[in-house]
Amino acid sequence: MPNYEIRIVGDPVLKQRAKDVEEFDGKLAALTQGMTSTMYEAIGCGLAAPQIGVQRRVVTYDVGDGPFVIINPEIVDSSGTAVYEEGCLSIPGLRFDVERPEKITVRGLDVNGNEVVFEDDDFLARMMQHEIDHLDGILTIDRLSPKDRKRAMRLISEQEFTGSIAPHIAGDL
């Protein structure tokens, strides 16, 4: 499967809401295989289709127990709040403290169109919220306080995204 180029912050495709998947066919299966390969090559744990320029509601992920795909995911319940450090393949080298619901229930479809429902209050919950944000055109920097967002935007504008490690934005949340 071909690997895709990951779109970087500033690319307008990352700020658009992705469309629902309506056809479950070989093209979708090939897309998810390529996304999974791209995610692993980039040493990521999740990848949303808009991050490779495809405006469809598709997420591939692996939180340690094998690759999975979820199509048209939606959060149907959430509770609590927690702040966690997040990185993003589309904002390489930067990490941010982001406040999100602590526990979520997600409903979506697998690559064959079968319903998938799961509940989590650990890393999977945080990662899935991050990836669903991508499907809605939301980046982690959009979830920061105005002060931290300004600081992050300054760092982004100064960085050339060579994969080098840049500062962690821990702030006002």
N, C-alpha and C. Protein backbone atom coordinates (compact mmCIF):
# COMPACT_ATOMS: atom_id res chain seq x y z
N MET A 1 0.83 -1.19 0.00
CA MET A 1 0.00 0.00 0.00
C MET A 1 0.87 1.25 0.00
N PRO A 2 0.46 2.23 -0.75
CA PRO A 2 1.25 3.47 -0.76
C PRO A 2 1.07 4.24 0.54
N ASN A 3 2.13 4.88 0.96
CA ASN A 3 2.02 5.78 2.10
C ASN A 3 1.66 7.16 1.58
N TYR A 4 0.93 7.88 2.39
CA TYR A 4 0.47 9.21 2.01
C TYR A 4 1.32 10.27 2.70
N GLU A 5 1.31 11.47 2.13
CA GLU A 5 1.96 12.61 2.75
C GLU A 5 1.01 13.17 3.81
N ILE A 6 1.53 13.40 5.00
CA ILE A 6 0.71 13.96 6.07
C ILE A 6 0.69 15.48 5.93
N ARG A 7 -0.50 16.03 5.92
CA ARG A 7 -0.69 17.47 5.80
C ARG A 7 -0.31 18.14 7.11
N ILE A 8 0.30 19.30 6.99
CA ILE A 8 0.84 20.03 8.14
C ILE A 8 -0.02 21.27 8.41
N VAL A 9 -0.04 21.67 9.68
CA VAL A 9 -0.79 22.87 10.09
C VAL A 9 -0.55 23.99 9.09
N GLY A 10 -1.62 24.68 8.73
CA GLY A 10 -1.57 25.71 7.72
C GLY A 10 -2.23 25.25 6.42
N ASP A 11 -2.30 23.93 6.22
CA ASP A 11 -2.98 23.39 5.04
C ASP A 11 -4.49 23.54 5.26
N PRO A 12 -5.20 24.20 4.35
CA PRO A 12 -6.63 24.46 4.55
C PRO A 12 -7.48 23.20 4.70
N VAL A 13 -7.04 22.07 4.18
CA VAL A 13 -7.83 20.84 4.29
C VAL A 13 -8.01 20.44 5.77
N LEU A 14 -7.08 20.83 6.62
CA LEU A 14 -7.16 20.47 8.04
C LEU A 14 -8.22 21.26 8.79
N LYS A 15 -8.74 22.32 8.20
CA LYS A 15 -9.72 23.17 8.87
C LYS A 15 -11.15 22.95 8.34
N GLN A 16 -11.34 21.93 7.51
CA GLN A 16 -12.65 21.65 6.93
C GLN A 16 -13.26 20.41 7.58
N ARG A 17 -14.59 20.41 7.69
CA ARG A 17 -15.29 19.24 8.22
C ARG A 17 -15.34 18.17 7.13
N ALA A 18 -14.95 16.96 7.49
CA ALA A 18 -14.96 15.83 6.55
C ALA A 18 -16.38 15.31 6.35
N LYS A 19 -16.61 14.71 5.19
CA LYS A 19 -17.93 14.17 4.84
C LYS A 19 -18.05 12.73 5.28
N ASP A 20 -19.28 12.33 5.59
CA ASP A 20 -19.54 10.94 5.96
C ASP A 20 -19.18 10.00 4.82
N VAL A 21 -18.72 8.81 5.19
CA VAL A 21 -18.48 7.74 4.23
C VAL A 21 -19.82 7.07 3.97
N GLU A 22 -20.14 6.88 2.71
CA GLU A 22 -21.41 6.24 2.34
C GLU A 22 -21.20 4.93 1.60
N GLU A 23 -20.03 4.74 0.99
CA GLU A 23 -19.76 3.52 0.24
C GLU A 23 -18.65 2.72 0.92
N PHE A 24 -18.96 1.47 1.19
CA PHE A 24 -18.01 0.56 1.85
C PHE A 24 -17.57 -0.43 0.78
N ASP A 25 -16.44 -0.11 0.14
CA ASP A 25 -15.98 -0.89 -0.99
C ASP A 25 -14.47 -1.07 -0.94
N GLY A 26 -13.92 -1.58 -2.02
CA GLY A 26 -12.49 -1.81 -2.09
C GLY A 26 -11.68 -0.52 -1.99
N LYS A 27 -12.21 0.58 -2.48
CA LYS A 27 -11.51 1.86 -2.39
C LYS A 27 -11.34 2.27 -0.93
N LEU A 28 -12.38 2.06 -0.14
CA LEU A 28 -12.31 2.39 1.29
C LEU A 28 -11.29 1.49 1.98
N ALA A 29 -11.32 0.20 1.67
CA ALA A 29 -10.36 -0.73 2.27
C ALA A 29 -8.93 -0.34 1.92
N ALA A 30 -8.70 0.03 0.65
CA ALA A 30 -7.35 0.44 0.23
C ALA A 30 -6.93 1.73 0.95
N LEU A 31 -7.87 2.67 1.09
CA LEU A 31 -7.57 3.91 1.80
C LEU A 31 -7.14 3.61 3.24
N THR A 32 -7.89 2.77 3.93
CA THR A 32 -7.57 2.49 5.33
C THR A 32 -6.25 1.74 5.47
N GLN A 33 -5.93 0.88 4.53
CA GLN A 33 -4.63 0.19 4.57
C GLN A 33 -3.50 1.18 4.39
N GLY A 34 -3.65 2.09 3.43
CA GLY A 34 -2.63 3.11 3.21
C GLY A 34 -2.51 4.06 4.39
N MET A 35 -3.64 4.40 5.00
CA MET A 35 -3.60 5.26 6.19
C MET A 35 -2.88 4.58 7.34
N THR A 36 -3.17 3.30 7.54
CA THR A 36 -2.52 2.56 8.63
C THR A 36 -1.01 2.51 8.41
N SER A 37 -0.60 2.21 7.19
CA SER A 37 0.82 2.18 6.86
C SER A 37 1.48 3.54 7.09
N THR A 38 0.79 4.60 6.68
CA THR A 38 1.30 5.96 6.87
C THR A 38 1.42 6.29 8.35
N MET A 39 0.41 5.91 9.13
CA MET A 39 0.41 6.16 10.57
C MET A 39 1.62 5.48 11.23
N TYR A 40 1.85 4.21 10.89
CA TYR A 40 2.99 3.50 11.46
C TYR A 40 4.31 4.11 11.03
N GLU A 41 4.42 4.48 9.76
CA GLU A 41 5.67 5.08 9.27
C GLU A 41 5.97 6.38 10.01
N ALA A 42 4.92 7.13 10.34
CA ALA A 42 5.10 8.41 11.03
C ALA A 42 5.23 8.24 12.54
N ILE A 43 5.16 6.99 13.01
CA ILE A 43 5.24 6.65 14.42
C ILE A 43 4.11 7.35 15.19
N GLY A 44 2.91 7.21 14.64
CA GLY A 44 1.72 7.76 15.28
C GLY A 44 0.85 6.65 15.81
N CYS A 45 -0.14 7.03 16.62
CA CYS A 45 -1.09 6.06 17.16
C CYS A 45 -2.48 6.26 16.57
N GLY A 46 -2.67 7.35 15.82
CA GLY A 46 -3.95 7.61 15.18
C GLY A 46 -3.74 8.51 13.98
N LEU A 47 -4.61 8.36 12.99
CA LEU A 47 -4.53 9.19 11.80
C LEU A 47 -5.94 9.35 11.24
N ALA A 48 -6.34 10.59 11.00
CA ALA A 48 -7.64 10.89 10.41
C ALA A 48 -7.44 11.20 8.93
N ALA A 49 -8.40 10.80 8.10
CA ALA A 49 -8.27 10.97 6.65
C ALA A 49 -7.95 12.41 6.22
N PRO A 50 -8.52 13.45 6.86
CA PRO A 50 -8.14 14.80 6.44
C PRO A 50 -6.64 15.08 6.57
N GLN A 51 -5.96 14.37 7.45
CA GLN A 51 -4.53 14.58 7.62
C GLN A 51 -3.73 14.13 6.40
N ILE A 52 -4.36 13.35 5.52
CA ILE A 52 -3.70 12.98 4.27
C ILE A 52 -4.42 13.61 3.08
N GLY A 53 -5.29 14.59 3.37
CA GLY A 53 -5.96 15.31 2.30
C GLY A 53 -7.24 14.69 1.80
N VAL A 54 -7.76 13.67 2.49
CA VAL A 54 -8.99 13.00 2.08
C VAL A 54 -10.11 13.47 3.00
N GLN A 55 -11.11 14.10 2.45
CA GLN A 55 -12.19 14.68 3.25
C GLN A 55 -13.31 13.68 3.50
N ARG A 56 -12.97 12.60 4.19
CA ARG A 56 -13.93 11.58 4.60
C ARG A 56 -13.73 11.28 6.08
N ARG A 57 -14.79 10.84 6.74
CA ARG A 57 -14.76 10.59 8.18
C ARG A 57 -14.23 9.17 8.44
N VAL A 58 -12.90 9.05 8.34
CA VAL A 58 -12.21 7.78 8.51
C VAL A 58 -11.05 7.99 9.47
N VAL A 59 -10.91 7.08 10.44
CA VAL A 59 -9.80 7.12 11.39
C VAL A 59 -9.17 5.74 11.47
N THR A 60 -7.84 5.69 11.41
CA THR A 60 -7.11 4.47 11.71
C THR A 60 -6.36 4.72 13.01
N TYR A 61 -6.22 3.67 13.82
CA TYR A 61 -5.54 3.85 15.09
C TYR A 61 -5.00 2.53 15.62
N ASP A 62 -4.01 2.67 16.50
CA ASP A 62 -3.43 1.53 17.20
C ASP A 62 -2.90 2.03 18.53
N VAL A 63 -3.56 1.63 19.60
CA VAL A 63 -3.12 2.04 20.94
C VAL A 63 -2.41 0.89 21.66
N GLY A 64 -1.89 -0.05 20.86
CA GLY A 64 -1.08 -1.10 21.43
C GLY A 64 -1.62 -2.51 21.25
N ASP A 65 -2.83 -2.64 20.71
CA ASP A 65 -3.38 -3.98 20.54
C ASP A 65 -3.80 -4.24 19.10
N GLY A 66 -3.05 -3.69 18.17
CA GLY A 66 -3.29 -3.94 16.76
C GLY A 66 -4.01 -2.79 16.09
N PRO A 67 -3.92 -2.71 14.77
CA PRO A 67 -4.56 -1.61 14.06
C PRO A 67 -6.08 -1.80 13.99
N PHE A 68 -6.79 -0.67 14.09
CA PHE A 68 -8.24 -0.65 13.96
C PHE A 68 -8.62 0.51 13.06
N VAL A 69 -9.83 0.42 12.53
CA VAL A 69 -10.40 1.47 11.69
C VAL A 69 -11.79 1.77 12.23
N ILE A 70 -12.15 3.04 12.26
CA ILE A 70 -13.52 3.42 12.58
C ILE A 70 -13.97 4.45 11.55
N ILE A 71 -15.14 4.22 11.01
CA ILE A 71 -15.71 5.05 9.97
C ILE A 71 -16.88 5.84 10.56
N ASN A 72 -16.99 7.11 10.20
CA ASN A 72 -18.07 7.98 10.68
C ASN A 72 -18.22 7.94 12.21
N PRO A 73 -17.10 8.05 12.94
CA PRO A 73 -17.20 7.96 14.41
C PRO A 73 -17.89 9.19 15.00
N GLU A 74 -18.60 8.94 16.08
CA GLU A 74 -19.22 10.04 16.83
C GLU A 74 -19.18 9.71 18.31
N ILE A 75 -18.98 10.74 19.11
CA ILE A 75 -19.01 10.58 20.56
C ILE A 75 -20.47 10.69 20.97
N VAL A 76 -20.99 9.61 21.57
CA VAL A 76 -22.41 9.61 21.94
C VAL A 76 -22.62 9.86 23.43
N ASP A 77 -21.54 9.81 24.21
CA ASP A 77 -21.64 10.12 25.64
C ASP A 77 -20.25 10.47 26.14
N SER A 78 -20.20 11.36 27.12
CA SER A 78 -18.92 11.72 27.73
C SER A 78 -19.16 12.17 29.15
N SER A 79 -18.11 12.05 29.97
CA SER A 79 -18.20 12.51 31.36
C SER A 79 -16.82 12.87 31.88
N GLY A 80 -16.82 13.68 32.94
CA GLY A 80 -15.57 14.09 33.57
C GLY A 80 -14.76 15.00 32.68
N THR A 81 -13.66 15.49 33.23
CA THR A 81 -12.70 16.26 32.45
C THR A 81 -11.30 15.94 32.97
N ALA A 82 -10.35 16.03 32.08
CA ALA A 82 -8.96 15.80 32.44
C ALA A 82 -8.08 16.54 31.45
N VAL A 83 -6.89 16.90 31.89
CA VAL A 83 -5.92 17.56 31.03
C VAL A 83 -4.80 16.56 30.75
N TYR A 84 -4.49 16.40 29.47
CA TYR A 84 -3.45 15.48 29.04
C TYR A 84 -2.57 16.16 27.99
N GLU A 85 -1.35 15.71 27.93
CA GLU A 85 -0.42 16.18 26.91
C GLU A 85 -0.73 15.46 25.60
N GLU A 86 -0.82 16.24 24.51
CA GLU A 86 -1.10 15.66 23.19
C GLU A 86 -0.09 16.16 22.18
N GLY A 87 0.29 15.25 21.31
CA GLY A 87 1.06 15.61 20.13
C GLY A 87 0.18 15.38 18.91
N CYS A 88 0.66 15.79 17.75
CA CYS A 88 -0.13 15.66 16.53
C CYS A 88 0.80 15.50 15.34
N LEU A 89 0.50 14.53 14.48
CA LEU A 89 1.32 14.33 13.29
C LEU A 89 1.26 15.53 12.36
N SER A 90 0.20 16.32 12.45
CA SER A 90 0.08 17.50 11.59
C SER A 90 0.71 18.75 12.21
N ILE A 91 1.19 18.64 13.44
CA ILE A 91 1.94 19.72 14.09
C ILE A 91 3.17 19.06 14.71
N PRO A 92 4.08 18.57 13.86
CA PRO A 92 5.20 17.76 14.36
C PRO A 92 6.11 18.53 15.31
N GLY A 93 6.52 17.81 16.35
CA GLY A 93 7.50 18.36 17.27
C GLY A 93 6.94 19.17 18.42
N LEU A 94 5.67 19.51 18.38
CA LEU A 94 5.06 20.28 19.46
C LEU A 94 4.08 19.41 20.23
N ARG A 95 3.98 19.67 21.51
CA ARG A 95 3.03 18.95 22.37
C ARG A 95 2.28 19.99 23.18
N PHE A 96 1.01 19.71 23.44
CA PHE A 96 0.15 20.67 24.12
C PHE A 96 -0.63 20.00 25.23
N ASP A 97 -0.89 20.73 26.31
CA ASP A 97 -1.80 20.28 27.35
C ASP A 97 -3.21 20.64 26.89
N VAL A 98 -4.08 19.62 26.77
CA VAL A 98 -5.43 19.82 26.26
C VAL A 98 -6.43 19.25 27.24
N GLU A 99 -7.46 20.03 27.55
CA GLU A 99 -8.54 19.56 28.42
C GLU A 99 -9.62 18.94 27.55
N ARG A 100 -10.04 17.73 27.94
CA ARG A 100 -11.07 16.98 27.22
C ARG A 100 -11.90 16.18 28.23
N PRO A 101 -13.07 15.69 27.78
CA PRO A 101 -13.79 14.75 28.63
C PRO A 101 -12.91 13.54 28.96
N GLU A 102 -13.05 13.05 30.17
CA GLU A 102 -12.21 11.94 30.63
C GLU A 102 -12.69 10.59 30.11
N LYS A 103 -13.99 10.40 30.05
CA LYS A 103 -14.58 9.13 29.65
C LYS A 103 -15.53 9.38 28.48
N ILE A 104 -15.44 8.55 27.44
CA ILE A 104 -16.32 8.72 26.29
C ILE A 104 -16.88 7.38 25.82
N THR A 105 -17.99 7.46 25.13
CA THR A 105 -18.55 6.33 24.39
C THR A 105 -18.60 6.76 22.93
N VAL A 106 -18.05 5.92 22.06
CA VAL A 106 -17.96 6.22 20.64
C VAL A 106 -18.77 5.18 19.86
N ARG A 107 -19.46 5.69 18.84
CA ARG A 107 -20.19 4.79 17.94
C ARG A 107 -19.74 5.12 16.52
N GLY A 108 -19.55 4.09 15.72
CA GLY A 108 -19.16 4.26 14.33
C GLY A 108 -19.36 2.95 13.59
N LEU A 109 -18.64 2.81 12.50
CA LEU A 109 -18.74 1.61 11.66
C LEU A 109 -17.35 1.07 11.37
N ASP A 110 -17.27 -0.24 11.14
CA ASP A 110 -15.99 -0.80 10.71
C ASP A 110 -15.90 -0.70 9.19
N VAL A 111 -14.83 -1.19 8.62
CA VAL A 111 -14.59 -1.05 7.18
C VAL A 111 -15.62 -1.81 6.34
N ASN A 112 -16.37 -2.72 6.96
CA ASN A 112 -17.42 -3.46 6.25
C ASN A 112 -18.81 -2.87 6.48
N GLY A 113 -18.88 -1.80 7.26
CA GLY A 113 -20.17 -1.16 7.52
C GLY A 113 -20.89 -1.68 8.74
N ASN A 114 -20.24 -2.52 9.53
CA ASN A 114 -20.85 -3.04 10.76
C ASN A 114 -20.67 -2.06 11.90
N GLU A 115 -21.68 -1.94 12.76
CA GLU A 115 -21.61 -0.99 13.87
C GLU A 115 -20.53 -1.38 14.87
N VAL A 116 -19.83 -0.36 15.35
CA VAL A 116 -18.81 -0.50 16.38
C VAL A 116 -19.16 0.49 17.48
N VAL A 117 -19.18 0.01 18.73
CA VAL A 117 -19.41 0.88 19.89
C VAL A 117 -18.38 0.51 20.94
N PHE A 118 -17.73 1.52 21.52
CA PHE A 118 -16.82 1.24 22.63
C PHE A 118 -16.81 2.41 23.60
N GLU A 119 -16.41 2.09 24.82
CA GLU A 119 -16.30 3.06 25.90
C GLU A 119 -14.88 3.01 26.42
N ASP A 120 -14.32 4.18 26.74
CA ASP A 120 -12.96 4.18 27.26
C ASP A 120 -12.73 5.42 28.11
N ASP A 121 -11.83 5.29 29.07
CA ASP A 121 -11.45 6.42 29.93
C ASP A 121 -9.94 6.50 30.06
N ASP A 122 -9.25 6.02 29.04
CA ASP A 122 -7.79 5.99 29.07
C ASP A 122 -7.26 6.61 27.78
N PHE A 123 -6.13 6.15 27.33
CA PHE A 123 -5.47 6.72 26.16
C PHE A 123 -6.34 6.67 24.91
N LEU A 124 -7.06 5.57 24.71
CA LEU A 124 -7.94 5.45 23.55
C LEU A 124 -8.97 6.58 23.52
N ALA A 125 -9.52 6.94 24.66
CA ALA A 125 -10.51 8.03 24.72
C ALA A 125 -9.89 9.35 24.28
N ARG A 126 -8.70 9.65 24.77
CA ARG A 126 -8.04 10.91 24.39
C ARG A 126 -7.70 10.92 22.90
N MET A 127 -7.12 9.81 22.43
CA MET A 127 -6.72 9.73 21.03
C MET A 127 -7.94 9.84 20.12
N MET A 128 -9.03 9.17 20.46
CA MET A 128 -10.21 9.20 19.60
C MET A 128 -10.82 10.60 19.55
N GLN A 129 -10.84 11.30 20.66
CA GLN A 129 -11.34 12.68 20.65
C GLN A 129 -10.47 13.56 19.75
N HIS A 130 -9.17 13.37 19.82
CA HIS A 130 -8.23 14.11 18.98
C HIS A 130 -8.51 13.85 17.50
N GLU A 131 -8.69 12.58 17.14
CA GLU A 131 -8.92 12.22 15.73
C GLU A 131 -10.28 12.70 15.25
N ILE A 132 -11.30 12.61 16.09
CA ILE A 132 -12.63 13.12 15.70
C ILE A 132 -12.56 14.63 15.52
N ASP A 133 -11.77 15.31 16.34
CA ASP A 133 -11.55 16.74 16.11
C ASP A 133 -11.03 16.99 14.69
N HIS A 134 -10.07 16.18 14.24
CA HIS A 134 -9.55 16.32 12.88
C HIS A 134 -10.68 16.19 11.86
N LEU A 135 -11.58 15.27 12.09
CA LEU A 135 -12.70 15.08 11.15
C LEU A 135 -13.62 16.30 11.12
N ASP A 136 -13.62 17.07 12.22
CA ASP A 136 -14.45 18.26 12.31
C ASP A 136 -13.69 19.55 11.97
N GLY A 137 -12.44 19.42 11.53
CA GLY A 137 -11.65 20.59 11.16
C GLY A 137 -11.07 21.33 12.36
N ILE A 138 -10.89 20.63 13.47
CA ILE A 138 -10.37 21.22 14.70
C ILE A 138 -8.98 20.65 14.98
N LEU A 139 -8.02 21.53 15.26
CA LEU A 139 -6.67 21.12 15.63
C LEU A 139 -6.47 21.32 17.13
N THR A 140 -5.46 20.67 17.70
CA THR A 140 -5.21 20.81 19.13
C THR A 140 -5.00 22.27 19.52
N ILE A 141 -4.39 23.07 18.66
CA ILE A 141 -4.16 24.48 18.99
C ILE A 141 -5.48 25.23 19.14
N ASP A 142 -6.55 24.74 18.52
CA ASP A 142 -7.86 25.37 18.66
C ASP A 142 -8.45 25.12 20.05
N ARG A 143 -7.92 24.18 20.77
CA ARG A 143 -8.41 23.83 22.10
C ARG A 143 -7.62 24.52 23.21
N LEU A 144 -6.62 25.32 22.86
CA LEU A 144 -5.78 25.99 23.86
C LEU A 144 -6.40 27.30 24.31
N SER A 145 -5.96 27.77 25.47
CA SER A 145 -6.37 29.10 25.94
C SER A 145 -5.82 30.12 24.95
N PRO A 146 -6.41 31.32 24.88
CA PRO A 146 -5.89 32.34 23.94
C PRO A 146 -4.40 32.61 24.12
N LYS A 147 -3.94 32.67 25.37
CA LYS A 147 -2.52 32.93 25.63
C LYS A 147 -1.65 31.80 25.09
N ASP A 148 -2.02 30.55 25.39
CA ASP A 148 -1.23 29.41 24.93
C ASP A 148 -1.31 29.24 23.41
N ARG A 149 -2.46 29.54 22.84
CA ARG A 149 -2.62 29.45 21.39
C ARG A 149 -1.69 30.46 20.70
N LYS A 150 -1.61 31.65 21.23
CA LYS A 150 -0.74 32.68 20.66
C LYS A 150 0.72 32.21 20.71
N ARG A 151 1.10 31.66 21.85
CA ARG A 151 2.47 31.14 22.01
C ARG A 151 2.73 29.99 21.04
N ALA A 152 1.75 29.10 20.92
CA ALA A 152 1.89 27.96 20.00
C ALA A 152 2.01 28.43 18.55
N MET A 153 1.19 29.40 18.16
CA MET A 153 1.25 29.90 16.79
C MET A 153 2.60 30.55 16.49
N ARG A 154 3.17 31.21 17.49
CA ARG A 154 4.50 31.80 17.31
C ARG A 154 5.53 30.69 17.08
N LEU A 155 5.46 29.63 17.90
CA LEU A 155 6.40 28.52 17.73
C LEU A 155 6.21 27.82 16.39
N ILE A 156 4.96 27.66 15.98
CA ILE A 156 4.68 27.02 14.69
C ILE A 156 5.26 27.85 13.55
N SER A 157 5.10 29.15 13.62
CA SER A 157 5.61 30.01 12.55
C SER A 157 7.13 30.01 12.51
N GLU A 158 7.79 29.76 13.64
CA GLU A 158 9.25 29.75 13.69
C GLU A 158 9.83 28.38 13.30
N GLN A 159 9.01 27.34 13.41
CA GLN A 159 9.50 25.98 13.18
C GLN A 159 9.39 25.61 11.72
N GLU A 160 10.33 24.81 11.26
CA GLU A 160 10.32 24.36 9.87
C GLU A 160 9.79 22.94 9.74
N PHE A 161 9.29 22.35 10.79
CA PHE A 161 8.73 21.01 10.79
C PHE A 161 9.67 19.98 10.19
N THR A 162 10.87 19.92 10.76
CA THR A 162 11.84 18.93 10.32
C THR A 162 11.79 17.69 11.20
N GLY A 163 10.86 17.68 12.14
CA GLY A 163 10.77 16.56 13.04
C GLY A 163 11.55 16.76 14.32
N SER A 164 12.24 17.88 14.45
CA SER A 164 12.98 18.14 15.67
C SER A 164 12.01 18.44 16.80
N ILE A 165 12.43 18.20 18.00
CA ILE A 165 11.56 18.39 19.15
C ILE A 165 11.55 19.86 19.54
N ALA A 166 10.37 20.40 19.64
CA ALA A 166 10.18 21.78 20.03
C ALA A 166 9.53 21.79 21.42
N PRO A 167 9.39 22.95 22.02
CA PRO A 167 8.85 23.02 23.39
C PRO A 167 7.43 22.49 23.52
N HIS A 168 7.16 22.01 24.70
CA HIS A 168 5.82 21.59 25.10
C HIS A 168 5.09 22.83 25.59
N ILE A 169 3.86 23.03 25.13
CA ILE A 169 3.06 24.18 25.56
C ILE A 169 2.19 23.70 26.71
N ALA A 170 2.58 24.01 27.91
CA ALA A 170 1.81 23.68 29.11
C ALA A 170 1.38 24.98 29.72
N GLY A 171 0.10 25.13 29.86
CA GLY A 171 -0.27 26.48 30.26
C GLY A 171 -1.50 26.63 31.09
N ASP A 172 -2.33 27.51 30.63
CA ASP A 172 -3.40 28.08 31.41
C ASP A 172 -4.63 27.22 31.60
N LEU A 173 -4.64 26.04 31.07
CA LEU A 173 -5.84 25.21 31.19
C LEU A 173 -6.10 24.97 32.63
